[in-house]
């Protein structure tokens, strides 16, 4: 059996950060969407190289805040060309048919202490599920807002990994998604 490093996405995606104004652009070069899965007991880590985000963060009006993400699943980086080729096939992401995963927020809740929960819909491989992403927000030295969060998705909920790969003893069902979004400081 060939050992590959499939991970399973996650995505996600998702976050907002803080600032004060509306419709901020995310500093993509300082931000990231990463994930960790397990295959046969070993950690498999990766990231997505290409994604878009549209964030409207209003800390004084959370009802009007939102975050939308589109992740190019073909841009997966597993540090292995063989694994990256495999994960794009129909049994995994099926990037020919489903090239994009998306997240659309529906609500933001203040948890106190610069912590928030961003709820929304994650769509991947033609399946949409509710997700909630806890986020901690802080300012960096340059005054940018930085939102860090992590959440777990179940890859099998999104039909990622079939055949013997659907066995969670071979590839874990849980995928930890880590997001870091940096928004420029308010002008």
N, C-alpha and C. Protein backbone atom coordinates (compact mmCIF):
# COMPACT_ATOMS: atom_id res chain seq x y z
N UNK A 1 0.84 -1.18 0.00
CA UNK A 1 0.00 0.00 0.00
C UNK A 1 0.89 1.24 0.00
N UNK A 2 0.60 2.13 -0.88
CA UNK A 2 1.39 3.34 -1.01
C UNK A 2 0.98 4.33 0.09
N UNK A 3 1.98 4.84 0.76
CA UNK A 3 1.69 5.79 1.85
C UNK A 3 1.64 7.18 1.25
N UNK A 4 0.52 7.84 1.40
CA UNK A 4 0.48 9.21 0.94
C UNK A 4 0.19 10.08 2.12
N UNK A 5 0.26 11.30 1.91
CA UNK A 5 0.06 12.22 3.01
C UNK A 5 -1.23 13.00 2.82
N UNK A 6 -2.32 12.27 2.64
CA UNK A 6 -3.53 13.02 2.47
C UNK A 6 -3.86 13.67 3.77
N UNK A 7 -4.33 14.75 3.70
CA UNK A 7 -4.78 15.39 4.90
C UNK A 7 -6.22 15.57 4.60
N UNK A 8 -6.79 16.29 5.16
CA UNK A 8 -8.07 16.60 4.71
C UNK A 8 -8.35 17.98 5.13
N UNK A 9 -9.01 18.62 4.32
CA UNK A 9 -9.07 20.00 4.50
C UNK A 9 -9.98 20.37 5.58
N UNK A 10 -9.89 21.23 5.46
CA UNK A 10 -10.55 21.82 6.46
C UNK A 10 -11.07 23.11 6.14
N UNK A 11 -10.72 23.41 6.23
CA UNK A 11 -10.90 24.63 5.96
C UNK A 11 -11.21 25.42 6.83
N UNK A 12 -11.14 25.99 6.02
CA UNK A 12 -11.38 26.88 6.29
C UNK A 12 -11.06 27.83 6.35
N UNK A 13 -11.10 28.00 6.90
CA UNK A 13 -11.25 29.16 6.54
C UNK A 13 -11.80 30.07 7.41
N UNK A 14 -11.60 30.92 7.68
CA UNK A 14 -12.61 31.70 8.15
C UNK A 14 -12.28 32.72 9.10
N UNK A 15 -12.26 33.76 9.13
CA UNK A 15 -12.11 34.53 10.27
C UNK A 15 -12.22 35.94 10.02
N UNK A 16 -12.33 36.54 11.10
CA UNK A 16 -12.26 37.94 10.98
C UNK A 16 -11.22 38.43 11.93
N UNK A 17 -11.01 39.67 11.83
CA UNK A 17 -10.03 40.25 12.70
C UNK A 17 -10.61 41.56 13.15
N UNK A 18 -9.85 42.32 13.89
CA UNK A 18 -10.46 43.51 14.44
C UNK A 18 -9.80 44.76 13.93
N UNK A 19 -10.51 45.78 13.96
CA UNK A 19 -9.97 47.03 13.51
C UNK A 19 -10.93 48.08 13.96
N UNK A 20 -11.96 48.33 13.29
CA UNK A 20 -12.90 49.31 13.76
C UNK A 20 -13.76 49.79 12.62
N UNK A 21 -13.25 49.76 11.46
CA UNK A 21 -14.00 50.24 10.30
C UNK A 21 -14.67 49.06 9.63
N UNK A 22 -15.14 49.29 8.43
CA UNK A 22 -15.81 48.23 7.69
C UNK A 22 -15.01 47.87 6.45
N UNK A 23 -15.31 46.70 5.91
CA UNK A 23 -14.77 46.23 4.63
C UNK A 23 -13.26 46.34 4.55
N UNK A 24 -12.58 45.74 5.49
CA UNK A 24 -11.13 45.71 5.45
C UNK A 24 -10.66 44.64 4.49
N UNK A 25 -9.47 44.85 3.97
CA UNK A 25 -8.87 43.79 3.17
C UNK A 25 -7.95 43.01 4.09
N UNK A 26 -7.91 41.73 3.89
CA UNK A 26 -7.03 40.88 4.67
C UNK A 26 -5.64 40.95 4.07
N UNK A 27 -4.63 41.05 4.92
CA UNK A 27 -3.24 41.04 4.45
C UNK A 27 -2.85 39.57 4.22
N UNK A 28 -3.10 39.10 3.01
CA UNK A 28 -2.93 37.68 2.68
C UNK A 28 -1.50 37.21 2.95
N UNK A 29 -0.50 38.03 2.64
CA UNK A 29 0.89 37.61 2.82
C UNK A 29 1.26 37.43 4.29
N UNK A 30 0.46 37.95 5.21
CA UNK A 30 0.72 37.80 6.64
C UNK A 30 -0.29 36.85 7.29
N UNK A 31 -1.22 36.34 6.52
CA UNK A 31 -2.29 35.50 7.03
C UNK A 31 -2.11 34.08 6.51
N UNK A 32 -2.84 33.13 7.12
CA UNK A 32 -2.70 31.74 6.66
C UNK A 32 -3.89 30.90 7.07
N UNK A 33 -4.09 29.85 6.29
CA UNK A 33 -5.05 28.80 6.60
C UNK A 33 -4.26 27.50 6.56
N UNK A 34 -4.14 26.86 7.72
CA UNK A 34 -3.37 25.63 7.87
C UNK A 34 -4.27 24.53 8.43
N UNK A 35 -3.80 23.30 8.40
CA UNK A 35 -4.57 22.19 8.94
C UNK A 35 -3.63 21.09 9.41
N UNK A 36 -4.15 20.25 10.30
CA UNK A 36 -3.42 19.08 10.79
C UNK A 36 -4.39 17.92 10.81
N UNK A 37 -3.98 16.81 10.22
CA UNK A 37 -4.74 15.58 10.25
C UNK A 37 -3.80 14.47 10.71
N UNK A 38 -4.33 13.26 10.81
CA UNK A 38 -3.49 12.12 11.19
C UNK A 38 -3.75 11.00 10.18
N UNK A 39 -2.65 10.39 9.73
CA UNK A 39 -2.74 9.23 8.86
C UNK A 39 -1.92 8.13 9.50
N UNK A 40 -2.59 7.02 9.79
CA UNK A 40 -1.95 5.88 10.44
C UNK A 40 -1.15 6.33 11.67
N UNK A 41 -1.74 7.23 12.43
CA UNK A 41 -1.14 7.70 13.67
C UNK A 41 -0.14 8.83 13.55
N UNK A 42 0.28 9.15 12.34
CA UNK A 42 1.28 10.21 12.14
C UNK A 42 0.59 11.52 11.75
N UNK A 43 1.08 12.62 12.28
CA UNK A 43 0.53 13.93 11.93
C UNK A 43 0.87 14.29 10.50
N UNK A 44 -0.10 14.85 9.82
CA UNK A 44 0.08 15.36 8.47
C UNK A 44 -0.35 16.82 8.51
N UNK A 45 0.58 17.71 8.19
CA UNK A 45 0.30 19.14 8.23
C UNK A 45 0.34 19.73 6.83
N UNK A 46 -0.45 20.75 6.63
CA UNK A 46 -0.46 21.41 5.33
C UNK A 46 -1.06 22.79 5.42
N UNK A 47 -1.14 23.42 4.27
CA UNK A 47 -1.71 24.76 4.19
C UNK A 47 -2.26 24.96 2.79
N UNK A 48 -2.97 26.07 2.61
CA UNK A 48 -3.45 26.44 1.28
C UNK A 48 -2.71 27.69 0.85
N UNK A 49 -2.17 27.67 -0.36
CA UNK A 49 -1.39 28.79 -0.88
C UNK A 49 -2.25 29.91 -1.44
N UNK A 50 -3.45 29.58 -1.95
CA UNK A 50 -4.30 30.58 -2.60
C UNK A 50 -5.68 30.58 -1.98
N UNK A 51 -6.11 31.75 -1.57
CA UNK A 51 -7.44 31.93 -1.04
C UNK A 51 -7.76 33.42 -1.04
N UNK A 52 -9.05 33.70 -0.96
CA UNK A 52 -9.53 35.08 -0.93
C UNK A 52 -10.37 35.26 0.32
N UNK A 53 -10.36 36.47 0.84
CA UNK A 53 -11.19 36.76 2.01
C UNK A 53 -11.79 38.15 1.87
N UNK A 54 -13.00 38.27 2.33
CA UNK A 54 -13.67 39.56 2.40
C UNK A 54 -14.22 39.68 3.82
N UNK A 55 -13.71 40.64 4.55
CA UNK A 55 -14.08 40.78 5.95
C UNK A 55 -14.65 42.17 6.18
N UNK A 56 -15.74 42.23 6.89
CA UNK A 56 -16.33 43.49 7.31
C UNK A 56 -16.47 43.38 8.83
N UNK A 57 -15.55 43.97 9.55
CA UNK A 57 -15.49 43.83 11.00
C UNK A 57 -15.96 45.12 11.66
N UNK A 58 -17.00 45.01 12.44
CA UNK A 58 -17.58 46.15 13.15
C UNK A 58 -17.74 45.75 14.62
N UNK A 59 -16.73 45.97 15.43
CA UNK A 59 -16.80 45.52 16.82
C UNK A 59 -17.93 46.16 17.61
N UNK A 60 -18.38 47.33 17.18
CA UNK A 60 -19.49 47.99 17.87
C UNK A 60 -20.85 47.64 17.28
N UNK A 61 -20.85 46.83 16.21
CA UNK A 61 -22.09 46.42 15.56
C UNK A 61 -21.88 45.03 14.97
N UNK A 62 -21.75 44.03 15.85
CA UNK A 62 -21.43 42.67 15.40
C UNK A 62 -22.48 42.11 14.45
N UNK A 63 -23.71 42.58 14.54
CA UNK A 63 -24.76 42.11 13.65
C UNK A 63 -24.48 42.43 12.18
N UNK A 64 -23.67 43.44 11.92
CA UNK A 64 -23.32 43.81 10.55
C UNK A 64 -21.94 43.31 10.15
N UNK A 65 -21.24 42.64 11.06
CA UNK A 65 -19.92 42.08 10.75
C UNK A 65 -20.10 40.77 9.99
N UNK A 66 -19.18 40.51 9.09
CA UNK A 66 -19.20 39.22 8.39
C UNK A 66 -17.82 38.91 7.81
N UNK A 67 -17.64 37.63 7.48
CA UNK A 67 -16.39 37.16 6.88
C UNK A 67 -16.75 36.11 5.83
N UNK A 68 -16.22 36.27 4.63
CA UNK A 68 -16.44 35.32 3.54
C UNK A 68 -15.08 34.89 3.02
N UNK A 69 -14.93 33.58 2.79
CA UNK A 69 -13.67 33.04 2.30
C UNK A 69 -13.91 32.11 1.13
N UNK A 70 -12.96 32.10 0.21
CA UNK A 70 -12.93 31.13 -0.88
C UNK A 70 -11.52 30.56 -0.91
N UNK A 71 -11.41 29.23 -0.79
CA UNK A 71 -10.12 28.56 -0.75
C UNK A 71 -9.96 27.74 -2.02
N UNK A 72 -8.88 27.98 -2.72
CA UNK A 72 -8.54 27.21 -3.92
C UNK A 72 -7.96 25.88 -3.45
N UNK A 73 -8.76 24.81 -3.52
CA UNK A 73 -8.32 23.51 -3.01
C UNK A 73 -7.14 22.95 -3.79
N UNK A 74 -6.99 23.36 -5.03
CA UNK A 74 -5.84 22.92 -5.83
C UNK A 74 -4.53 23.54 -5.38
N UNK A 75 -4.60 24.53 -4.50
CA UNK A 75 -3.39 25.19 -4.02
C UNK A 75 -2.85 24.55 -2.74
N UNK A 76 -3.32 23.37 -2.43
CA UNK A 76 -2.90 22.70 -1.20
C UNK A 76 -1.39 22.46 -1.21
N UNK A 77 -0.77 22.66 -0.07
CA UNK A 77 0.67 22.47 0.11
C UNK A 77 0.85 21.43 1.20
N UNK A 78 1.28 20.23 0.81
CA UNK A 78 1.55 19.14 1.74
C UNK A 78 3.04 18.82 1.79
N UNK A 79 3.86 19.64 1.15
CA UNK A 79 5.31 19.43 1.08
C UNK A 79 5.65 18.11 0.40
N UNK A 80 4.78 17.65 -0.48
CA UNK A 80 5.00 16.42 -1.23
C UNK A 80 4.17 16.49 -2.52
N UNK A 81 4.83 16.53 -3.65
CA UNK A 81 4.12 16.61 -4.92
C UNK A 81 3.21 15.41 -5.12
N UNK A 82 3.66 14.22 -4.73
CA UNK A 82 2.86 13.01 -4.87
C UNK A 82 1.57 13.11 -4.04
N UNK A 83 1.68 13.57 -2.81
CA UNK A 83 0.51 13.71 -1.95
C UNK A 83 -0.43 14.80 -2.46
N UNK A 84 0.14 15.88 -2.96
CA UNK A 84 -0.68 16.98 -3.48
C UNK A 84 -1.45 16.53 -4.72
N UNK A 85 -0.84 15.72 -5.56
CA UNK A 85 -1.53 15.18 -6.74
C UNK A 85 -2.66 14.25 -6.29
N UNK A 86 -2.38 13.39 -5.33
CA UNK A 86 -3.38 12.44 -4.85
C UNK A 86 -4.59 13.13 -4.22
N UNK A 87 -4.36 14.14 -3.40
CA UNK A 87 -5.46 14.79 -2.67
C UNK A 87 -6.43 15.52 -3.61
N UNK A 88 -5.98 15.82 -4.82
CA UNK A 88 -6.84 16.51 -5.80
C UNK A 88 -7.77 15.55 -6.54
N UNK A 89 -7.55 14.25 -6.41
CA UNK A 89 -8.35 13.25 -7.13
C UNK A 89 -9.76 13.14 -6.56
N UNK A 90 -10.68 12.53 -7.35
CA UNK A 90 -12.08 12.43 -6.94
C UNK A 90 -12.32 11.82 -5.55
N UNK A 91 -11.53 10.87 -5.13
CA UNK A 91 -11.76 10.25 -3.82
C UNK A 91 -11.51 11.22 -2.67
N UNK A 92 -10.74 12.26 -2.92
CA UNK A 92 -10.43 13.25 -1.89
C UNK A 92 -11.17 14.55 -2.18
N UNK A 93 -10.49 15.56 -2.71
CA UNK A 93 -11.11 16.86 -2.96
C UNK A 93 -11.88 16.94 -4.26
N UNK A 94 -11.49 16.13 -5.25
CA UNK A 94 -12.09 16.19 -6.58
C UNK A 94 -12.06 17.63 -7.11
N UNK A 95 -10.84 18.18 -7.19
CA UNK A 95 -10.68 19.58 -7.56
C UNK A 95 -11.13 19.88 -8.99
N UNK A 96 -11.20 18.87 -9.85
CA UNK A 96 -11.70 19.13 -11.21
C UNK A 96 -13.18 19.51 -11.16
N UNK A 97 -13.93 18.89 -10.26
CA UNK A 97 -15.35 19.15 -10.14
C UNK A 97 -15.67 20.20 -9.07
N UNK A 98 -14.86 20.23 -8.00
CA UNK A 98 -15.10 21.13 -6.86
C UNK A 98 -13.81 21.89 -6.53
N UNK A 99 -13.43 22.86 -7.32
CA UNK A 99 -12.14 23.53 -7.12
C UNK A 99 -12.06 24.46 -5.91
N UNK A 100 -13.22 24.88 -5.40
CA UNK A 100 -13.24 25.89 -4.34
C UNK A 100 -14.00 25.38 -3.11
N UNK A 101 -13.46 25.66 -1.94
CA UNK A 101 -14.20 25.50 -0.68
C UNK A 101 -14.53 26.91 -0.23
N UNK A 102 -15.66 27.08 0.43
CA UNK A 102 -16.02 28.44 0.85
C UNK A 102 -16.58 28.44 2.27
N UNK A 103 -16.46 29.58 2.90
CA UNK A 103 -17.05 29.81 4.20
C UNK A 103 -17.78 31.14 4.13
N UNK A 104 -19.01 31.17 4.62
CA UNK A 104 -19.82 32.39 4.68
C UNK A 104 -20.32 32.53 6.11
N UNK A 105 -19.92 33.58 6.78
CA UNK A 105 -20.37 33.76 8.16
C UNK A 105 -21.84 34.17 8.19
N UNK A 106 -22.50 33.82 9.28
CA UNK A 106 -23.90 34.19 9.46
C UNK A 106 -24.11 34.96 10.76
N UNK A 107 -23.19 34.83 11.71
CA UNK A 107 -23.32 35.53 12.99
C UNK A 107 -21.97 35.60 13.68
N UNK A 108 -21.79 36.67 14.45
CA UNK A 108 -20.59 36.84 15.26
C UNK A 108 -21.05 37.11 16.69
N UNK A 109 -20.50 36.36 17.63
CA UNK A 109 -20.89 36.52 19.03
C UNK A 109 -19.66 36.92 19.85
N UNK A 110 -19.84 37.92 20.71
CA UNK A 110 -18.78 38.36 21.61
C UNK A 110 -18.74 37.42 22.80
N UNK A 111 -17.57 36.79 23.04
CA UNK A 111 -17.40 35.88 24.16
C UNK A 111 -16.69 36.56 25.33
N UNK A 112 -16.31 37.83 25.15
CA UNK A 112 -15.61 38.58 26.19
C UNK A 112 -14.11 38.44 26.08
N UNK A 113 -13.40 39.43 26.57
CA UNK A 113 -11.93 39.36 26.58
C UNK A 113 -11.31 39.27 25.20
N UNK A 114 -11.84 40.01 24.24
CA UNK A 114 -11.33 39.99 22.85
C UNK A 114 -11.47 38.61 22.20
N UNK A 115 -12.40 37.81 22.69
CA UNK A 115 -12.69 36.51 22.09
C UNK A 115 -14.08 36.57 21.46
N UNK A 116 -14.18 35.96 20.28
CA UNK A 116 -15.44 35.96 19.54
C UNK A 116 -15.69 34.57 18.98
N UNK A 117 -16.94 34.32 18.60
CA UNK A 117 -17.27 33.10 17.88
C UNK A 117 -17.90 33.52 16.56
N UNK A 118 -17.33 33.01 15.48
CA UNK A 118 -17.83 33.30 14.15
C UNK A 118 -18.54 32.04 13.65
N UNK A 119 -19.85 32.13 13.48
CA UNK A 119 -20.63 31.00 13.00
C UNK A 119 -20.93 31.20 11.53
N UNK A 120 -21.02 30.09 10.80
CA UNK A 120 -21.34 30.20 9.39
C UNK A 120 -21.43 28.85 8.72
N UNK A 121 -21.42 28.89 7.40
CA UNK A 121 -21.55 27.69 6.58
C UNK A 121 -20.25 27.43 5.83
N UNK A 122 -19.73 26.23 5.97
CA UNK A 122 -18.55 25.78 5.24
C UNK A 122 -19.03 24.83 4.15
N UNK A 123 -18.65 25.13 2.90
CA UNK A 123 -19.04 24.29 1.77
C UNK A 123 -17.78 23.73 1.14
N UNK A 124 -17.77 22.42 0.99
CA UNK A 124 -16.63 21.74 0.38
C UNK A 124 -17.14 20.49 -0.31
N UNK A 125 -16.68 20.28 -1.52
CA UNK A 125 -17.03 19.10 -2.30
C UNK A 125 -18.54 18.92 -2.41
N UNK A 126 -19.25 20.03 -2.58
CA UNK A 126 -20.69 19.98 -2.79
C UNK A 126 -21.52 19.79 -1.53
N UNK A 127 -20.90 19.79 -0.37
CA UNK A 127 -21.60 19.60 0.89
C UNK A 127 -21.41 20.84 1.76
N UNK A 128 -22.49 21.28 2.40
CA UNK A 128 -22.44 22.44 3.28
C UNK A 128 -22.77 22.02 4.71
N UNK A 129 -21.96 22.48 5.65
CA UNK A 129 -22.17 22.19 7.07
C UNK A 129 -22.00 23.48 7.88
N UNK A 130 -22.68 23.53 9.02
CA UNK A 130 -22.51 24.63 9.97
C UNK A 130 -21.19 24.44 10.70
N UNK A 131 -20.48 25.53 10.90
CA UNK A 131 -19.27 25.51 11.72
C UNK A 131 -19.26 26.76 12.60
N UNK A 132 -18.58 26.64 13.72
CA UNK A 132 -18.39 27.78 14.62
C UNK A 132 -16.89 27.87 14.90
N UNK A 133 -16.35 29.05 14.71
CA UNK A 133 -14.91 29.25 14.84
C UNK A 133 -14.65 30.22 16.00
N UNK A 134 -14.02 29.72 17.07
CA UNK A 134 -13.63 30.64 18.14
C UNK A 134 -12.40 31.43 17.70
N UNK A 135 -12.42 32.74 17.97
CA UNK A 135 -11.35 33.62 17.51
C UNK A 135 -10.87 34.49 18.66
N UNK A 136 -9.57 34.63 18.79
CA UNK A 136 -8.96 35.57 19.73
C UNK A 136 -8.39 36.71 18.90
N UNK A 137 -8.68 37.94 19.28
CA UNK A 137 -8.22 39.09 18.50
C UNK A 137 -7.25 39.91 19.32
N UNK A 138 -6.17 40.34 18.66
CA UNK A 138 -5.17 41.19 19.32
C UNK A 138 -4.59 42.14 18.27
N UNK A 139 -3.82 43.09 18.72
CA UNK A 139 -3.11 44.01 17.82
C UNK A 139 -1.66 43.58 17.76
N UNK A 140 -1.04 43.67 16.58
CA UNK A 140 0.39 43.41 16.48
C UNK A 140 1.15 44.72 16.65
N UNK A 141 2.48 44.67 16.58
CA UNK A 141 3.32 45.85 16.81
C UNK A 141 3.03 46.97 15.81
N UNK A 142 2.58 46.62 14.61
CA UNK A 142 2.29 47.63 13.58
C UNK A 142 0.88 48.20 13.72
N UNK A 143 0.11 47.72 14.69
CA UNK A 143 -1.24 48.21 14.87
C UNK A 143 -2.28 47.47 14.05
N UNK A 144 -1.86 46.41 13.36
CA UNK A 144 -2.80 45.58 12.60
C UNK A 144 -3.61 44.73 13.56
N UNK A 145 -4.82 44.41 13.18
CA UNK A 145 -5.64 43.48 13.95
C UNK A 145 -5.29 42.07 13.50
N UNK A 146 -5.09 41.18 14.47
CA UNK A 146 -4.74 39.79 14.19
C UNK A 146 -5.77 38.89 14.85
N UNK A 147 -6.41 38.05 14.06
CA UNK A 147 -7.38 37.09 14.59
C UNK A 147 -6.81 35.69 14.43
N UNK A 148 -6.68 35.00 15.54
CA UNK A 148 -6.20 33.62 15.54
C UNK A 148 -7.32 32.73 16.03
N UNK A 149 -7.54 31.63 15.33
CA UNK A 149 -8.57 30.69 15.75
C UNK A 149 -8.27 29.30 15.24
N UNK A 150 -8.93 28.34 15.85
CA UNK A 150 -8.83 26.97 15.37
C UNK A 150 -10.13 26.25 15.68
N UNK A 151 -10.43 25.29 14.83
CA UNK A 151 -11.64 24.50 14.98
C UNK A 151 -11.41 23.17 14.30
N UNK A 152 -12.28 22.21 14.58
CA UNK A 152 -12.15 20.87 14.02
C UNK A 152 -13.34 20.60 13.11
N UNK A 153 -13.04 20.01 11.95
CA UNK A 153 -14.11 19.53 11.08
C UNK A 153 -13.97 18.02 10.95
N UNK A 154 -15.03 17.39 10.54
CA UNK A 154 -15.05 15.96 10.24
C UNK A 154 -14.97 15.82 8.72
N UNK A 155 -13.88 15.28 8.23
CA UNK A 155 -13.68 15.18 6.78
C UNK A 155 -14.75 14.32 6.11
N UNK A 156 -15.20 13.28 6.82
CA UNK A 156 -16.19 12.39 6.23
C UNK A 156 -17.54 13.09 6.05
N UNK A 157 -17.81 14.14 6.83
CA UNK A 157 -19.02 14.94 6.63
C UNK A 157 -19.02 15.61 5.26
N UNK A 158 -17.83 15.78 4.68
CA UNK A 158 -17.69 16.44 3.39
C UNK A 158 -17.31 15.44 2.28
N UNK A 159 -17.44 14.14 2.57
CA UNK A 159 -17.14 13.09 1.59
C UNK A 159 -15.71 13.16 1.08
N UNK A 160 -14.80 13.46 1.97
CA UNK A 160 -13.38 13.56 1.61
C UNK A 160 -12.69 12.28 2.09
N UNK A 161 -12.23 11.48 1.13
CA UNK A 161 -11.57 10.21 1.42
C UNK A 161 -12.57 9.08 1.35
N UNK A 162 -12.53 8.28 0.27
CA UNK A 162 -13.45 7.15 0.17
C UNK A 162 -12.69 5.85 0.10
N UNK A 163 -13.43 4.75 -0.08
CA UNK A 163 -12.81 3.43 -0.10
C UNK A 163 -12.14 3.15 1.23
N UNK A 164 -10.97 2.52 1.19
CA UNK A 164 -10.31 2.21 2.46
C UNK A 164 -9.84 3.47 3.18
N UNK A 165 -9.80 4.60 2.48
CA UNK A 165 -9.42 5.87 3.12
C UNK A 165 -10.54 6.42 4.00
N UNK A 166 -11.74 5.87 3.89
CA UNK A 166 -12.84 6.34 4.74
C UNK A 166 -12.76 5.75 6.15
N UNK A 167 -11.85 4.82 6.36
CA UNK A 167 -11.65 4.22 7.69
C UNK A 167 -10.88 5.20 8.57
N UNK A 168 -11.49 5.70 9.65
CA UNK A 168 -10.81 6.66 10.51
C UNK A 168 -9.58 6.09 11.22
N UNK A 169 -9.42 4.77 11.18
CA UNK A 169 -8.20 4.18 11.75
C UNK A 169 -7.02 4.37 10.79
N UNK A 170 -7.32 4.56 9.52
CA UNK A 170 -6.28 4.80 8.52
C UNK A 170 -6.00 6.29 8.42
N UNK A 171 -7.05 7.07 8.16
CA UNK A 171 -6.95 8.54 8.13
C UNK A 171 -8.01 9.07 9.09
N UNK A 172 -7.58 9.81 10.09
CA UNK A 172 -8.50 10.32 11.10
C UNK A 172 -9.61 11.14 10.46
N UNK A 173 -10.80 11.04 11.05
CA UNK A 173 -11.93 11.83 10.58
C UNK A 173 -11.76 13.30 10.97
N UNK A 174 -11.21 13.55 12.14
CA UNK A 174 -11.02 14.93 12.62
C UNK A 174 -9.86 15.62 11.91
N UNK A 175 -10.11 16.83 11.48
CA UNK A 175 -9.08 17.67 10.88
C UNK A 175 -9.09 18.99 11.64
N UNK A 176 -7.97 19.33 12.22
CA UNK A 176 -7.84 20.59 12.94
C UNK A 176 -7.47 21.68 11.95
N UNK A 177 -8.26 22.73 11.90
CA UNK A 177 -8.01 23.85 11.01
C UNK A 177 -7.55 25.03 11.87
N UNK A 178 -6.45 25.64 11.45
CA UNK A 178 -5.94 26.83 12.15
C UNK A 178 -5.93 27.99 11.18
N UNK A 179 -6.48 29.09 11.65
CA UNK A 179 -6.52 30.28 10.81
C UNK A 179 -5.87 31.45 11.54
N UNK A 180 -5.23 32.26 10.75
CA UNK A 180 -4.63 33.51 11.25
C UNK A 180 -4.92 34.55 10.18
N UNK A 181 -5.69 35.55 10.55
CA UNK A 181 -6.03 36.61 9.63
C UNK A 181 -5.49 37.92 10.18
N UNK A 182 -4.83 38.68 9.29
CA UNK A 182 -4.29 39.98 9.68
C UNK A 182 -4.98 41.04 8.82
N UNK A 183 -5.56 42.02 9.52
CA UNK A 183 -6.21 43.14 8.85
C UNK A 183 -5.38 44.40 9.11
N UNK A 184 -5.24 45.24 8.09
CA UNK A 184 -4.45 46.46 8.30
C UNK A 184 -5.13 47.36 9.33
N UNK A 185 -4.30 48.11 10.03
CA UNK A 185 -4.86 49.00 11.04
C UNK A 185 -5.74 50.05 10.37
N UNK A 186 -6.71 50.49 11.12
CA UNK A 186 -7.67 51.46 10.60
C UNK A 186 -6.96 52.77 10.30
N UNK A 187 -7.35 53.39 9.21
CA UNK A 187 -6.72 54.66 8.82
C UNK A 187 -7.22 55.79 9.69
